[in-house]
C-alpha atoms as a PDB file:
ATOM      1  CA  MET A   1      77.683 105.799 111.437  1.00  0.00           C
ATOM      2  CA  LYS A   2      74.661 107.839 112.517  1.00  0.00           C
ATOM      3  CA  PHE A   3      75.867 110.915 110.604  1.00  0.00           C
ATOM      4  CA  TYR A   4      76.027 109.166 107.244  1.00  0.00           C
ATOM      5  CA  ASP A   5      73.026 108.997 104.937  1.00  0.00           C
ATOM      6  CA  ASP A   6      71.740 105.652 103.624  1.00  0.00           C
ATOM      7  CA  ASN A   7      73.697 105.807 100.366  1.00  0.00           C
ATOM      8  CA  GLN A   8      76.940 106.572 102.210  1.00  0.00           C
ATOM      9  CA  LYS A   9      76.330 103.688 104.624  1.00  0.00           C
ATOM     10  CA  LYS A  10      75.628 101.337 101.727  1.00  0.00           C
ATOM     11  CA  ILE A  11      78.853 102.350  99.970  1.00  0.00           C
ATOM     12  CA  ARG A  12      80.900 102.051 103.167  1.00  0.00           C
ATOM     13  CA  TYR A  13      79.504  98.601 103.978  1.00  0.00           C
ATOM     14  CA  GLN A  14      79.933  97.450 100.371  1.00  0.00           C
ATOM     15  CA  PHE A  15      83.565  98.479 100.111  1.00  0.00           C
ATOM     16  CA  GLY A  16      84.268  97.366 103.660  1.00  0.00           C
ATOM     17  CA  TYR A  17      83.171  93.915 102.560  1.00  0.00           C
ATOM     18  CA  TYR A  18      85.260  94.126  99.383  1.00  0.00           C
ATOM     19  CA  SER A  19      88.326  95.239 101.318  1.00  0.00           C
ATOM     20  CA  MET A  20      87.935  92.306 103.718  1.00  0.00           C
ATOM     21  CA  LEU A  21      87.754  89.969 100.703  1.00  0.00           C
ATOM     22  CA  LEU A  22      90.877  91.614  99.280  1.00  0.00           C
ATOM     23  CA  MET A  23      92.664  91.199 102.607  1.00  0.00           C
ATOM     24  CA  ALA A  24      91.680  87.538 102.804  1.00  0.00           C
ATOM     25  CA  ALA A  25      92.850  86.936  99.233  1.00  0.00           C
ATOM     26  CA  LEU A  26      96.185  88.656  99.877  1.00  0.00           C
ATOM     27  CA  LEU A  27      96.669  86.648 103.078  1.00  0.00           C
ATOM     28  CA  ILE A  28      95.965  83.397 101.228  1.00  0.00           C
ATOM     29  CA  VAL A  29      98.445  84.358  98.509  1.00  0.00           C
ATOM     30  CA  TYR A  30     101.038  85.374 101.113  1.00  0.00           C
ATOM     31  CA  THR A  31     100.726  82.178 103.129  1.00  0.00           C
ATOM     32  CA  SER A  32     100.959  80.023 100.002  1.00  0.00           C
ATOM     33  CA  MET A  33     104.213  81.647  98.842  1.00  0.00           C
ATOM     34  CA  PRO A  34     107.617  80.297  99.848  1.00  0.00           C
ATOM     35  CA  GLU A  35     109.355  82.311 102.567  1.00  0.00           C
ATOM     36  CA  ASP A  36     112.310  83.441 100.499  1.00  0.00           C
ATOM     37  CA  SER A  37     110.262  84.764  97.566  1.00  0.00           C
ATOM     38  CA  LEU A  38     109.271  88.071  99.217  1.00  0.00           C
ATOM     39  CA  GLY A  39     112.701  89.651  99.383  1.00  0.00           C
ATOM     40  CA  GLY A  40     113.214  89.276 103.103  1.00  0.00           C
ATOM     41  CA  ILE A  41     110.015  90.882 104.412  1.00  0.00           C
ATOM     42  CA  SER A  42     109.213  89.552 107.868  1.00  0.00           C
ATOM     43  CA  TYR A  43     105.880  87.962 108.689  1.00  0.00           C
ATOM     44  CA  GLN A  44     104.727  90.905 110.848  1.00  0.00           C
ATOM     45  CA  ASN A  45     105.611  93.518 108.255  1.00  0.00           C
ATOM     46  CA  ALA A  46     103.975  91.533 105.466  1.00  0.00           C
ATOM     47  CA  ILE A  47     100.742  91.444 107.482  1.00  0.00           C
ATOM     48  CA  LYS A  48     101.041  95.216 108.062  1.00  0.00           C
ATOM     49  CA  ALA A  49     101.502  95.765 104.329  1.00  0.00           C
ATOM     50  CA  ILE A  50      98.463  93.625 103.521  1.00  0.00           C
ATOM     51  CA  ILE A  51      96.340  95.571 106.011  1.00  0.00           C
ATOM     52  CA  MET A  52      97.544  98.901 104.578  1.00  0.00           C
ATOM     53  CA  ILE A  53      96.784  97.786 101.011  1.00  0.00           C
ATOM     54  CA  SER A  54      93.236  96.764 101.894  1.00  0.00           C
ATOM     55  CA  ALA A  55      92.721  99.989 103.902  1.00  0.00           C
ATOM     56  CA  MET A  56      93.933 102.031 100.941  1.00  0.00           C
ATOM     57  CA  PHE A  57      91.509 100.175  98.660  1.00  0.00           C
ATOM     58  CA  PHE A  58      88.659 101.027 101.034  1.00  0.00           C
ATOM     59  CA  ILE A  59      89.691 104.678 101.450  1.00  0.00           C
ATOM     60  CA  ILE A  60      90.122 105.378  97.744  1.00  0.00           C
ATOM     61  CA  ASN A  61      86.726 103.911  96.900  1.00  0.00           C
ATOM     62  CA  VAL A  62      84.719 105.617  99.637  1.00  0.00           C
ATOM     63  CA  VAL A  63      86.391 109.009  99.119  1.00  0.00           C
ATOM     64  CA  TYR A  64      85.734 108.840  95.365  1.00  0.00           C
ATOM     65  CA  ARG A  65      82.076 107.982  95.951  1.00  0.00           C
ATOM     66  CA  HIS A  66      81.549 110.803  98.510  1.00  0.00           C
ATOM     67  CA  ALA A  67      81.113 108.418 101.439  1.00  0.00           C
ATOM     68  CA  PHE A  68      84.225 109.255 103.469  1.00  0.00           C
ATOM     69  CA  PHE A  69      83.166 112.549 105.042  1.00  0.00           C
ATOM     70  CA  ASP A  70      79.826 112.501 106.863  1.00  0.00           C
ATOM     71  CA  GLN A  71      76.956 114.803 105.907  1.00  0.00           C
ATOM     72  CA  TYR A  72      77.031 117.099 108.959  1.00  0.00           C
ATOM     73  CA  THR A  73      80.698 117.700 109.629  1.00  0.00           C
ATOM     74  CA  ARG A  74      81.732 117.493 106.002  1.00  0.00           C
ATOM     75  CA  ARG A  75      84.963 119.404 105.722  1.00  0.00           C
ATOM     76  CA  PRO A  76      86.716 117.591 102.884  1.00  0.00           C
ATOM     77  CA  PHE A  77      89.145 120.409 102.113  1.00  0.00           C
ATOM     78  CA  TRP A  78      90.467 120.653 105.669  1.00  0.00           C
ATOM     79  CA  GLY A  79      90.465 116.893 106.107  1.00  0.00           C
ATOM     80  CA  SER A  80      92.443 116.520 102.891  1.00  0.00           C
ATOM     81  CA  ALA A  81      94.849 119.248 103.980  1.00  0.00           C
ATOM     82  CA  PHE A  82      95.379 117.427 107.283  1.00  0.00           C
ATOM     83  CA  PHE A  83      96.204 114.142 105.544  1.00  0.00           C
ATOM     84  CA  LEU A  84      98.492 115.954 103.106  1.00  0.00           C
ATOM     85  CA  VAL A  85     100.424 117.383 106.067  1.00  0.00           C
ATOM     86  CA  MET A  86     100.539 113.930 107.659  1.00  0.00           C
ATOM     87  CA  ALA A  87     101.968 112.475 104.426  1.00  0.00           C
ATOM     88  CA  GLY A  88     104.639 115.165 104.429  1.00  0.00           C
ATOM     89  CA  LEU A  89     105.523 114.428 108.038  1.00  0.00           C
ATOM     90  CA  GLN A  90     105.695 110.712 107.303  1.00  0.00           C
ATOM     91  CA  ALA A  91     107.947 111.341 104.293  1.00  0.00           C
ATOM     92  CA  GLN A  92     110.206 113.544 106.412  1.00  0.00           C
ATOM     93  CA  GLN A  93     110.374 110.868 109.118  1.00  0.00           C
ATOM     94  CA  ALA A  94     111.219 108.194 106.549  1.00  0.00           C
ATOM     95  CA  TYR A  95     113.938 110.435 105.105  1.00  0.00           C
ATOM     96  CA  GLN A  96     115.479 110.956 108.548  1.00  0.00           C
ATOM     97  CA  LEU A  97     115.312 107.257 109.400  1.00  0.00           C
ATOM     98  CA  TYR A  98     116.888 106.419 106.069  1.00  0.00           C
ATOM     99  CA  HIS A  99     119.865 108.687 106.727  1.00  0.00           C
ATOM    100  CA  LEU A 100     120.212 107.521 110.332  1.00  0.00           C
ATOM    101  CA  GLY A 101     120.077 103.925 109.159  1.00  0.00           C
ATOM    102  CA  MET A 102     122.893 104.464 106.674  1.00  0.00           C
ATOM    103  CA  GLU A 103     125.261 105.070 109.600  1.00  0.00           C
ATOM    104  CA  LEU A 104     124.429 101.739 111.222  1.00  0.00           C
ATOM    105  CA  PRO A 105     126.757  98.770 110.668  1.00  0.00           C
ATOM    106  CA  GLU A 106     124.034  97.013 108.697  1.00  0.00           C
ATOM    107  CA  SER A 107     122.301  99.853 106.901  1.00  0.00           C
ATOM    108  CA  ILE A 108     118.536  99.816 106.485  1.00  0.00           C
ATOM    109  CA  HIS A 109     118.419 101.403 103.068  1.00  0.00           C
ATOM    110  CA  HIS A 110     118.866  98.024 101.418  1.00  0.00           C
ATOM    111  CA  THR A 111     115.950  96.395 103.157  1.00  0.00           C
ATOM    112  CA  MET A 112     112.748  96.076 101.251  1.00  0.00           C
ATOM    113  CA  GLU A 113     110.750  96.283 104.472  1.00  0.00           C
ATOM    114  CA  PHE A 114     111.774  99.887 105.021  1.00  0.00           C
ATOM    115  CA  ALA A 115     110.736 100.959 101.541  1.00  0.00           C
ATOM    116  CA  VAL A 116     107.482  98.999 101.522  1.00  0.00           C
ATOM    117  CA  LEU A 117     106.238 100.064 104.948  1.00  0.00           C
ATOM    118  CA  HIS A 118     107.148 103.725 104.712  1.00  0.00           C
ATOM    119  CA  GLY A 119     106.009 103.930 101.096  1.00  0.00           C
ATOM    120  CA  LEU A 120     102.645 102.420 101.967  1.00  0.00           C
ATOM    121  CA  GLN A 121     102.208 104.745 104.946  1.00  0.00           C
ATOM    122  CA  ILE A 122     102.885 107.769 102.766  1.00  0.00           C
ATOM    123  CA  ALA A 123     100.562 106.418 100.059  1.00  0.00           C
ATOM    124  CA  LEU A 124      97.863 105.791 102.650  1.00  0.00           C
ATOM    125  CA  TYR A 125      98.002 109.399 103.815  1.00  0.00           C
ATOM    126  CA  LEU A 126      98.146 110.708 100.235  1.00  0.00           C
ATOM    127  CA  SER A 127      95.232 108.572  99.053  1.00  0.00           C
ATOM    128  CA  ILE A 128      92.618 110.800 100.690  1.00  0.00           C
ATOM    129  CA  PRO A 129      93.663 114.215  99.320  1.00  0.00           C
ATOM    130  CA  LEU A 130      94.598 112.844  95.890  1.00  0.00           C
ATOM    131  CA  THR A 131      91.341 110.936  95.510  1.00  0.00           C
ATOM    132  CA  TYR A 132      89.381 113.972  96.703  1.00  0.00           C
ATOM    133  CA  ALA A 133      91.233 116.186  94.192  1.00  0.00           C
ATOM    134  CA  VAL A 134      90.540 113.755  91.341  1.00  0.00           C
ATOM    135  CA  ARG A 135      86.868 113.539  92.307  1.00  0.00           C
ATOM    136  CA  THR A 136      86.573 117.329  92.515  1.00  0.00           C
ATOM    137  CA  LEU A 137      88.206 117.661  89.094  1.00  0.00           C
ATOM    138  CA  VAL A 138      85.870 115.037  87.602  1.00  0.00           C
ATOM    139  CA  ASP A 139      82.843 116.805  89.101  1.00  0.00           C
ATOM    140  CA  ARG A 140      83.951 120.196  87.742  1.00  0.00           C
ATOM    141  CA  VAL A 141      84.583 118.798  84.263  1.00  0.00           C
ATOM    142  CA  SER A 142      81.185 117.067  84.206  1.00  0.00           C
ATOM    143  CA  VAL A 143      79.427 120.271  85.346  1.00  0.00           C
ATOM    144  CA  LYS A 144      81.287 122.246  82.691  1.00  0.00           C
ATOM    145  CA  GLU A 145      80.268 119.705  80.035  1.00  0.00           C
ATOM    146  CA  GLN A 146      76.640 119.862  81.167  1.00  0.00           C
ATOM    147  CA  ASN A 147      76.683 123.659  81.018  1.00  0.00           C
ATOM    148  CA  THR A 148      78.068 123.645  77.472  1.00  0.00           C
ATOM    149  CA  GLU A 149      75.463 121.099  76.344  1.00  0.00           C
ATOM    150  CA  GLU A 150      72.439 123.006  77.734  1.00  0.00           C
ATOM    151  CA  PRO A 151      72.614 126.006  75.364  1.00  0.00           C
ATOM    152  CA  ARG A 152      72.997 123.668  72.373  1.00  0.00           C
ATOM    153  CA  GLN A 153      69.899 121.718  73.368  1.00  0.00           C
ATOM    154  CA  SER A 154      67.742 124.833  73.813  1.00  0.00           C
ATOM    155  CA  SER A 155      68.676 126.208  70.352  1.00  0.00           C
END
């Protein structure tokens, strides 16, 4: 954390706290639900899904608020490209496992666990580059709007 400025640290701590609250709330909801209401997701995989959801909440918020990449080694383009490649590799792995699982006596393509876990892993990897792209687009549009407003104000 020594490479982050004070605003970045504040944002990271704030959304770290919020993501822990989200995780606690999801765990309370999960433990209060009857076992058969989740479509056959096992206890371990439900906990993994809850952790991935709260991590995705944290990642999306800190990337959007420019607190994900530190101030010295800030390489958001290459970091986003890396996570985009990782999402592609995860999607390819899920595709292969899906087709291998169809040949098993009890195929895995009907299980909700497979779809939830692999979908969340892909979404987790995609959350960084997509959030960075949205933030870059928002910044460019706001700069463009400011540049169009300046000549009108000086007239």
